[in-house]
Amino acid sequence: MKKTTKEELRVQSHYDDIADVYDQRYDHRDRGKQYYDHIAQAVLSQIGTGGDLLDIGCGTGLFIRRFLKTGGNVTGIDISTGMIRRAAPLFPKVNFVVGNAEFLPFEENTFRSISSLLAFSYLTRPERTMADCLRILRPGGRLAVCTLGKNVFTSSLPALFTIGEKMKIRRVGVGKFTEHYYSAQEMYTLLEQAGFVDISIFKCSFAHFSFADPIFSIAKRVEPFIEENVPYLAYNLIASGKKP
């Protein structure tokens, strides 16, 4: 059994603490819901629908809810007991596991697909997670990760989160964590070295939920153009690959 690191305990404690307000960010606000719908659709476009899915960093089940509408079975894993406690009553047919993404407690060739949304940046050994994902995927199965990418906006987040923690602001992600924001090349290399093939990397979500109206509405209108022509300005990076 792997010993939980201090950094993992910090992340676990943070999400235990904000589990009851987590959905207010992405599901109970119009801007947050539009933002999450957009990144969820990007992940779904890479893994397809149906079959057995593992959702890593499942939180309160926001992506699980969207995947179940397409058919299939889901297992969710999260390091936060508080998040799992919120999710389990909402999805009685889903198998929830409290666990660490670096050592996934599943047999080889178990899942048709694996998803992970907005959790990958917390991993301290992402190469271990990628290797374990390949192990538990069935041949031909696909993985899709949505994580914060490197750009001019995300470069300032660590300082803002540290200030927020000192001010005791109770919000999702606000805390002094060793988050990593990935470049396209970094994610490609992680997938390739783990053994994935048919790798795809692209940026999405220029219209971030933190934008106030009318800025959000304007950003939403130009989002397709930004994603295609100026992807550096998009907040998130979608990385996917297939097990040979």
Protein backbone atom coordinates (compact mmCIF):
# COMPACT_ATOMS: atom_id res chain seq x y z
CA MET A 1 0.00 0.00 0.00
CA LYS A 2 1.41 3.39 -1.03
CA LYS A 3 1.87 5.91 1.76
CA THR A 4 -0.07 9.12 1.15
CA THR A 5 2.24 12.11 0.69
CA LYS A 6 1.82 15.46 2.45
CA GLU A 7 0.79 17.06 -0.84
CA GLU A 8 -1.87 14.40 -1.44
CA LEU A 9 -3.17 14.90 2.09
CA ARG A 10 -3.47 18.64 1.42
CA VAL A 11 -5.50 18.02 -1.73
CA GLN A 12 -7.62 15.40 0.04
CA SER A 13 -8.31 17.72 2.98
CA HIS A 14 -9.18 20.64 0.69
CA TYR A 15 -11.73 18.70 -1.34
CA ASP A 16 -13.20 17.08 1.76
CA ASP A 17 -13.75 20.60 3.07
CA ILE A 18 -15.43 22.04 -0.05
CA ALA A 19 -17.39 18.93 -1.14
CA ASP A 20 -20.71 20.48 -0.13
CA VAL A 21 -20.15 23.61 -2.26
CA TYR A 22 -18.32 22.02 -5.22
CA ASP A 23 -21.36 21.76 -7.49
CA GLN A 24 -22.14 25.45 -7.07
CA ARG A 25 -19.13 26.15 -9.25
CA TYR A 26 -19.92 23.93 -12.22
CA ASP A 27 -23.55 22.89 -11.99
CA HIS A 28 -25.64 25.56 -10.29
CA ARG A 29 -24.31 28.61 -12.16
CA ASP A 30 -25.07 29.19 -15.82
CA ARG A 31 -21.51 30.14 -16.73
CA GLY A 32 -20.03 27.25 -14.77
CA LYS A 33 -22.40 24.75 -16.36
CA GLN A 34 -21.65 26.00 -19.88
CA TYR A 35 -17.93 25.77 -19.15
CA TYR A 36 -18.15 22.25 -17.74
CA ASP A 37 -20.48 21.07 -20.51
CA HIS A 38 -17.89 22.23 -23.03
CA ILE A 39 -14.94 20.37 -21.54
CA ALA A 40 -17.09 17.30 -20.82
CA GLN A 41 -18.16 17.16 -24.46
CA ALA A 42 -14.53 17.45 -25.54
CA VAL A 43 -13.64 14.42 -23.40
CA LEU A 44 -16.67 12.44 -24.63
CA SER A 45 -15.65 13.13 -28.21
CA GLN A 46 -12.40 11.27 -27.55
CA ILE A 47 -13.62 8.24 -25.58
CA GLY A 48 -17.00 7.63 -27.19
CA THR A 49 -20.07 6.33 -25.38
CA GLY A 50 -21.15 3.12 -23.70
CA GLY A 51 -19.09 0.34 -22.17
CA ASP A 52 -17.23 0.36 -18.86
CA LEU A 53 -15.74 3.73 -17.91
CA LEU A 54 -13.36 4.66 -15.08
CA ASP A 55 -13.56 8.35 -14.11
CA ILE A 56 -10.40 9.42 -12.26
CA GLY A 57 -10.89 12.31 -9.85
CA CYS A 58 -14.64 11.85 -10.20
CA GLY A 59 -15.54 14.38 -7.49
CA THR A 60 -19.28 14.69 -7.00
CA GLY A 61 -20.02 12.91 -10.29
CA LEU A 62 -20.50 15.80 -12.72
CA PHE A 63 -18.92 13.95 -15.64
CA ILE A 64 -20.45 10.66 -14.54
CA ARG A 65 -23.92 12.19 -14.86
CA ARG A 66 -23.19 13.24 -18.43
CA PHE A 67 -21.65 9.88 -19.40
CA LEU A 68 -24.53 7.83 -17.97
CA LYS A 69 -26.94 9.65 -20.27
CA THR A 70 -25.12 8.04 -23.19
CA GLY A 71 -25.35 4.51 -21.76
CA GLY A 72 -22.69 2.32 -20.20
CA ASN A 73 -21.39 1.55 -16.72
CA VAL A 74 -19.16 3.75 -14.56
CA THR A 75 -16.65 3.38 -11.77
CA GLY A 76 -15.52 6.58 -10.07
CA ILE A 77 -12.34 7.02 -8.05
CA ASP A 78 -11.34 10.06 -6.01
CA ILE A 79 -8.82 10.78 -3.25
CA SER A 80 -11.47 12.72 -1.29
CA THR A 81 -13.82 10.78 0.95
CA GLY A 82 -16.02 13.87 1.21
CA MET A 83 -16.54 14.04 -2.55
CA ILE A 84 -17.38 10.35 -2.76
CA ARG A 85 -19.90 10.72 0.07
CA ARG A 86 -21.64 13.44 -1.92
CA ALA A 87 -21.63 11.44 -5.15
CA ALA A 88 -22.62 7.97 -3.95
CA PRO A 89 -26.28 8.70 -3.02
CA LEU A 90 -26.81 10.48 -6.34
CA PHE A 91 -25.63 7.52 -8.44
CA PRO A 92 -26.61 4.27 -6.67
CA LYS A 93 -25.60 2.09 -9.64
CA VAL A 94 -22.09 3.54 -9.86
CA ASN A 95 -19.16 1.85 -8.11
CA PHE A 96 -17.26 4.50 -6.14
CA VAL A 97 -13.77 3.99 -4.75
CA VAL A 98 -11.70 6.22 -2.50
CA GLY A 99 -8.18 5.86 -3.80
CA ASN A 100 -4.99 7.25 -5.31
CA ALA A 101 -4.69 7.66 -9.07
CA GLU A 102 -1.07 6.51 -9.07
CA PHE A 103 -2.00 2.99 -7.95
CA LEU A 104 -5.37 2.14 -9.43
CA PRO A 105 -6.90 -0.85 -7.57
CA PHE A 106 -8.26 -2.66 -10.62
CA GLU A 107 -7.35 -5.73 -12.63
CA GLU A 108 -5.72 -5.61 -16.05
CA ASN A 109 -7.98 -5.12 -19.08
CA THR A 110 -10.96 -3.98 -16.98
CA PHE A 111 -12.23 -0.80 -18.69
CA ARG A 112 -13.20 0.22 -22.20
CA SER A 113 -12.43 3.87 -21.46
CA ILE A 114 -10.91 6.17 -18.84
CA SER A 115 -11.68 9.84 -18.25
CA SER A 116 -10.20 12.48 -15.97
CA LEU A 117 -11.41 16.08 -15.79
CA LEU A 118 -9.61 18.85 -13.90
CA ALA A 119 -7.75 16.47 -11.58
CA PHE A 120 -4.58 15.60 -13.48
CA SER A 121 -2.71 18.76 -12.50
CA TYR A 122 -2.63 17.56 -8.85
CA LEU A 123 -0.73 14.35 -9.62
CA THR A 124 2.83 14.22 -8.32
CA ARG A 125 3.84 11.22 -10.47
CA PRO A 126 1.71 11.44 -13.64
CA GLU A 127 3.87 8.89 -15.43
CA ARG A 128 2.76 6.23 -12.91
CA THR A 129 -0.88 7.11 -13.48
CA MET A 130 -0.48 6.86 -17.26
CA ALA A 131 1.22 3.47 -16.97
CA ASP A 132 -1.50 2.17 -14.67
CA CYS A 133 -4.22 3.48 -16.97
CA LEU A 134 -2.70 1.54 -19.85
CA ARG A 135 -2.62 -1.59 -17.70
CA ILE A 136 -6.30 -1.51 -16.75
CA LEU A 137 -7.61 -0.51 -20.18
CA ARG A 138 -8.72 -3.23 -22.55
CA PRO A 139 -6.87 -3.47 -25.88
CA GLY A 140 -8.27 -0.76 -28.12
CA GLY A 141 -9.63 1.17 -25.13
CA ARG A 142 -9.22 4.93 -24.94
CA LEU A 143 -8.10 7.43 -22.31
CA ALA A 144 -9.02 11.14 -22.34
CA VAL A 145 -7.70 13.73 -19.88
CA CYS A 146 -8.79 17.35 -19.48
CA THR A 147 -6.25 19.36 -17.51
CA LEU A 148 -5.16 22.96 -17.14
CA GLY A 149 -2.70 23.92 -19.85
CA LYS A 150 0.13 26.43 -19.75
CA ASN A 151 -0.84 29.93 -20.87
CA VAL A 152 -0.71 33.54 -19.74
CA PHE A 153 -3.79 33.08 -17.54
CA THR A 154 -2.84 29.89 -15.69
CA SER A 155 0.67 31.16 -14.93
CA SER A 156 -0.80 33.50 -12.31
CA LEU A 157 -3.04 30.94 -10.60
CA PRO A 158 -0.57 29.58 -7.99
CA ALA A 159 -0.03 33.06 -6.52
CA LEU A 160 -3.76 33.83 -6.50
CA PHE A 161 -4.59 30.50 -4.86
CA THR A 162 -1.95 31.07 -2.16
CA ILE A 163 -3.41 34.50 -1.39
CA GLY A 164 -6.90 33.00 -1.29
CA GLU A 165 -5.76 30.33 1.17
CA LYS A 166 -4.26 32.94 3.50
CA MET A 167 -7.52 34.91 3.33
CA LYS A 168 -9.39 31.67 4.19
CA ILE A 169 -11.50 31.83 1.03
CA ARG A 170 -13.54 28.63 0.80
CA ARG A 171 -13.52 27.94 -2.92
CA VAL A 172 -12.65 25.04 -5.18
CA GLY A 173 -8.92 24.87 -5.89
CA VAL A 174 -7.99 27.75 -3.61
CA GLY A 175 -4.96 26.52 -1.74
CA LYS A 176 -1.19 26.24 -1.93
CA PHE A 177 -0.80 23.08 -4.01
CA THR A 178 2.04 21.99 -6.26
CA GLU A 179 -0.21 21.97 -9.32
CA HIS A 180 1.35 21.41 -12.71
CA TYR A 181 0.01 23.05 -15.85
CA TYR A 182 0.93 21.06 -18.93
CA SER A 183 2.15 21.94 -22.39
CA ALA A 184 0.91 19.92 -25.33
CA GLN A 185 4.35 18.35 -25.73
CA GLU A 186 4.49 17.29 -22.08
CA MET A 187 1.14 15.50 -22.33
CA TYR A 188 2.07 13.90 -25.64
CA THR A 189 5.31 12.58 -24.14
CA LEU A 190 3.52 11.18 -21.07
CA LEU A 191 1.06 9.26 -23.26
CA GLU A 192 3.71 8.07 -25.71
CA GLN A 193 6.14 6.85 -23.04
CA ALA A 194 3.34 4.97 -21.28
CA GLY A 195 2.64 3.07 -24.50
CA PHE A 196 -0.46 4.82 -25.88
CA VAL A 197 -0.97 5.17 -29.63
CA ASP A 198 -3.32 7.27 -31.79
CA ILE A 199 -2.55 10.24 -29.52
CA SER A 200 -4.51 13.48 -29.88
CA ILE A 201 -3.78 16.78 -28.13
CA PHE A 202 -5.83 19.96 -28.44
CA LYS A 203 -6.80 23.05 -26.42
CA CYS A 204 -10.33 24.05 -25.44
CA SER A 205 -12.39 26.41 -23.22
CA PHE A 206 -11.44 30.02 -23.85
CA ALA A 207 -14.73 31.12 -22.20
CA HIS A 208 -13.78 30.46 -18.59
CA PHE A 209 -16.49 30.40 -15.93
CA SER A 210 -14.64 33.05 -13.90
CA PHE A 211 -15.34 35.67 -16.57
CA ALA A 212 -18.14 38.02 -15.57
CA ASP A 213 -20.91 38.97 -17.98
CA PRO A 214 -20.82 40.37 -20.59
CA ILE A 215 -17.19 39.23 -21.01
CA PHE A 216 -18.19 35.58 -20.72
CA SER A 217 -20.83 35.94 -23.43
CA ILE A 218 -18.34 37.62 -25.77
CA ALA A 219 -15.70 34.96 -25.02
CA LYS A 220 -18.24 32.22 -25.71
CA ARG A 221 -19.02 33.64 -29.14
CA VAL A 222 -15.37 33.80 -30.19
CA GLU A 223 -14.40 30.53 -28.45
CA PRO A 224 -14.46 28.31 -31.60
CA PHE A 225 -12.21 30.78 -33.44
CA ILE A 226 -9.77 31.01 -30.50
CA GLU A 227 -9.59 27.23 -30.07
CA GLU A 228 -8.81 26.72 -33.75
CA ASN A 229 -6.59 29.71 -34.47
CA VAL A 230 -5.13 30.94 -31.15
CA PRO A 231 -5.21 27.80 -28.95
CA TYR A 232 -2.59 29.18 -26.57
CA LEU A 233 -5.29 31.39 -25.03
CA ALA A 234 -7.53 28.44 -24.11
CA TYR A 235 -7.45 27.33 -20.49
CA ASN A 236 -7.66 23.58 -20.84
CA LEU A 237 -5.78 20.91 -22.70
CA ILE A 238 -7.44 17.68 -23.88
CA ALA A 239 -5.10 14.71 -24.29
CA SER A 240 -6.25 11.30 -25.47
CA GLY A 241 -4.78 8.03 -26.62
CA LYS A 242 -5.57 4.39 -27.33
CA LYS A 243 -4.19 1.18 -25.86
CA PRO A 244 -2.74 -0.93 -28.70
